C-alpha atoms as a PDB file:
ATOM      1  CA  UNK A   1      13.662  37.770 -20.965  1.00  0.00           C
ATOM      2  CA  UNK A   2      10.357  39.123 -19.556  1.00  0.00           C
ATOM      3  CA  UNK A   3       9.689  42.824 -19.839  1.00  0.00           C
ATOM      4  CA  UNK A   4       9.590  44.819 -16.642  1.00  0.00           C
ATOM      5  CA  UNK A   5       6.373  46.730 -16.135  1.00  0.00           C
ATOM      6  CA  UNK A   6       6.779  50.486 -16.225  1.00  0.00           C
ATOM      7  CA  UNK A   7       5.776  52.355 -13.076  1.00  0.00           C
ATOM      8  CA  UNK A   8       2.430  54.142 -13.293  1.00  0.00           C
ATOM      9  CA  UNK A   9       2.263  57.749 -14.405  1.00  0.00           C
ATOM     10  CA  UNK A  10       0.977  59.805 -11.472  1.00  0.00           C
ATOM     11  CA  UNK A  11       0.097  63.429 -10.977  1.00  0.00           C
ATOM     12  CA  UNK A  12      -2.539  66.047 -10.326  1.00  0.00           C
ATOM     13  CA  UNK A  13      -5.222  66.550 -12.930  1.00  0.00           C
ATOM     14  CA  UNK A  14      -8.948  67.106 -13.310  1.00  0.00           C
ATOM     15  CA  UNK A  15     -12.059  65.228 -14.337  1.00  0.00           C
ATOM     16  CA  UNK A  16     -15.012  66.781 -16.080  1.00  0.00           C
ATOM     17  CA  UNK A  17     -18.319  65.449 -14.755  1.00  0.00           C
ATOM     18  CA  UNK A  18     -21.559  66.931 -16.081  1.00  0.00           C
ATOM     19  CA  UNK A  19     -19.621  69.891 -17.529  1.00  0.00           C
ATOM     20  CA  UNK A  20     -18.030  70.700 -14.167  1.00  0.00           C
ATOM     21  CA  UNK A  21     -14.271  70.384 -13.645  1.00  0.00           C
ATOM     22  CA  UNK A  22     -13.037  68.780 -10.407  1.00  0.00           C
ATOM     23  CA  UNK A  23      -9.414  68.415  -9.213  1.00  0.00           C
ATOM     24  CA  UNK A  24      -8.116  64.840  -8.778  1.00  0.00           C
ATOM     25  CA  UNK A  25      -4.913  62.919  -8.261  1.00  0.00           C
ATOM     26  CA  UNK A  26      -4.413  60.191 -10.849  1.00  0.00           C
ATOM     27  CA  UNK A  27      -2.380  57.053 -11.409  1.00  0.00           C
ATOM     28  CA  UNK A  28      -2.449  55.397 -14.827  1.00  0.00           C
ATOM     29  CA  UNK A  29      -0.817  52.642 -16.812  1.00  0.00           C
ATOM     30  CA  UNK A  30      -0.681  52.745 -20.604  1.00  0.00           C
ATOM     31  CA  UNK A  31      -1.490  49.450 -22.338  1.00  0.00           C
ATOM     32  CA  UNK A  32      -0.252  48.778 -25.878  1.00  0.00           C
ATOM     33  CA  UNK A  33      -2.052  46.363 -28.195  1.00  0.00           C
ATOM     34  CA  UNK A  34      -0.778  44.430 -31.195  1.00  0.00           C
ATOM     35  CA  UNK A  35      -2.801  46.668 -33.522  1.00  0.00           C
ATOM     36  CA  UNK A  36      -0.969  49.863 -32.598  1.00  0.00           C
ATOM     37  CA  UNK A  37      -3.754  51.101 -30.342  1.00  0.00           C
ATOM     38  CA  UNK A  38      -3.000  52.488 -26.922  1.00  0.00           C
ATOM     39  CA  UNK A  39      -5.361  52.386 -23.953  1.00  0.00           C
ATOM     40  CA  UNK A  40      -4.947  53.268 -20.301  1.00  0.00           C
ATOM     41  CA  UNK A  41      -6.343  52.162 -16.985  1.00  0.00           C
ATOM     42  CA  UNK A  42      -5.893  53.342 -13.449  1.00  0.00           C
ATOM     43  CA  UNK A  43      -7.472  55.273 -10.631  1.00  0.00           C
ATOM     44  CA  UNK A  44      -8.439  58.807  -9.676  1.00  0.00           C
ATOM     45  CA  UNK A  45      -8.773  60.209  -6.180  1.00  0.00           C
ATOM     46  CA  UNK A  46     -10.851  63.249  -5.282  1.00  0.00           C
ATOM     47  CA  UNK A  47     -13.912  64.252  -3.293  1.00  0.00           C
ATOM     48  CA  UNK A  48     -16.132  61.213  -2.547  1.00  0.00           C
ATOM     49  CA  UNK A  49     -19.237  62.969  -3.936  1.00  0.00           C
ATOM     50  CA  UNK A  50     -17.391  63.738  -7.185  1.00  0.00           C
ATOM     51  CA  UNK A  51     -16.251  60.112  -7.510  1.00  0.00           C
ATOM     52  CA  UNK A  52     -19.825  58.892  -6.946  1.00  0.00           C
ATOM     53  CA  UNK A  53     -21.172  61.241  -9.642  1.00  0.00           C
ATOM     54  CA  UNK A  54     -18.396  60.225 -12.053  1.00  0.00           C
ATOM     55  CA  UNK A  55     -19.275  56.553 -11.520  1.00  0.00           C
ATOM     56  CA  UNK A  56     -22.978  57.256 -12.057  1.00  0.00           C
ATOM     57  CA  UNK A  57     -22.252  59.196 -15.239  1.00  0.00           C
ATOM     58  CA  UNK A  58     -19.965  56.437 -16.528  1.00  0.00           C
ATOM     59  CA  UNK A  59     -17.943  58.372 -19.101  1.00  0.00           C
ATOM     60  CA  UNK A  60     -15.921  61.418 -18.125  1.00  0.00           C
ATOM     61  CA  UNK A  61     -12.910  63.341 -19.394  1.00  0.00           C
ATOM     62  CA  UNK A  62      -9.690  62.988 -17.412  1.00  0.00           C
ATOM     63  CA  UNK A  63      -7.224  65.814 -18.017  1.00  0.00           C
ATOM     64  CA  UNK A  64      -3.648  65.014 -17.038  1.00  0.00           C
ATOM     65  CA  UNK A  65      -1.154  67.498 -15.603  1.00  0.00           C
ATOM     66  CA  UNK A  66       0.533  67.709 -19.021  1.00  0.00           C
ATOM     67  CA  UNK A  67      -2.741  68.929 -20.583  1.00  0.00           C
ATOM     68  CA  UNK A  68      -3.601  65.679 -22.385  1.00  0.00           C
ATOM     69  CA  UNK A  69      -7.304  64.792 -22.139  1.00  0.00           C
ATOM     70  CA  UNK A  70      -8.477  61.162 -22.062  1.00  0.00           C
ATOM     71  CA  UNK A  71     -12.034  59.959 -22.601  1.00  0.00           C
ATOM     72  CA  UNK A  72     -12.440  57.388 -19.810  1.00  0.00           C
ATOM     73  CA  UNK A  73     -15.122  55.102 -18.416  1.00  0.00           C
ATOM     74  CA  UNK A  74     -15.382  54.890 -14.640  1.00  0.00           C
ATOM     75  CA  UNK A  75     -15.696  51.143 -14.053  1.00  0.00           C
ATOM     76  CA  UNK A  76     -15.554  50.829 -10.247  1.00  0.00           C
ATOM     77  CA  UNK A  77     -16.263  52.905  -7.162  1.00  0.00           C
ATOM     78  CA  UNK A  78     -17.259  51.976  -3.600  1.00  0.00           C
ATOM     79  CA  UNK A  79     -19.875  54.221  -1.975  1.00  0.00           C
ATOM     80  CA  UNK A  80     -18.163  56.837   0.198  1.00  0.00           C
ATOM     81  CA  UNK A  81     -14.704  56.180  -1.255  1.00  0.00           C
ATOM     82  CA  UNK A  82     -12.478  58.980  -2.538  1.00  0.00           C
ATOM     83  CA  UNK A  83     -11.085  56.682  -5.269  1.00  0.00           C
ATOM     84  CA  UNK A  84     -12.648  55.504  -8.516  1.00  0.00           C
ATOM     85  CA  UNK A  85     -11.112  53.254 -11.185  1.00  0.00           C
ATOM     86  CA  UNK A  86     -11.203  53.847 -14.936  1.00  0.00           C
ATOM     87  CA  UNK A  87     -10.378  52.424 -18.336  1.00  0.00           C
ATOM     88  CA  UNK A  88      -9.822  54.570 -21.404  1.00  0.00           C
ATOM     89  CA  UNK A  89     -11.042  54.099 -24.910  1.00  0.00           C
ATOM     90  CA  UNK A  90      -8.152  52.835 -27.103  1.00  0.00           C
ATOM     91  CA  UNK A  91      -6.575  55.496 -29.307  1.00  0.00           C
ATOM     92  CA  UNK A  92      -4.384  55.146 -32.375  1.00  0.00           C
ATOM     93  CA  UNK A  93      -0.787  56.257 -31.898  1.00  0.00           C
END
């Protein structure tokens, strides 16, 4: 029987870009690997200028509403858009 995908975790958080903290809304999916590592991917929505700078910087810190901080790479953003997409670095559980 196939596993049903869990709904994304959503909430209000913050990203740190060039040592400045910016509020964002986030949506993320956790991905489990066979080696016990856990990664995440998803999207963040905030001010378009902040999303552009995050994409240019590449790696930022996403802080979730529960206080957990993820080191993420911004992998996609369209100029002028309020949304950027990220992937996290896998972490051991």
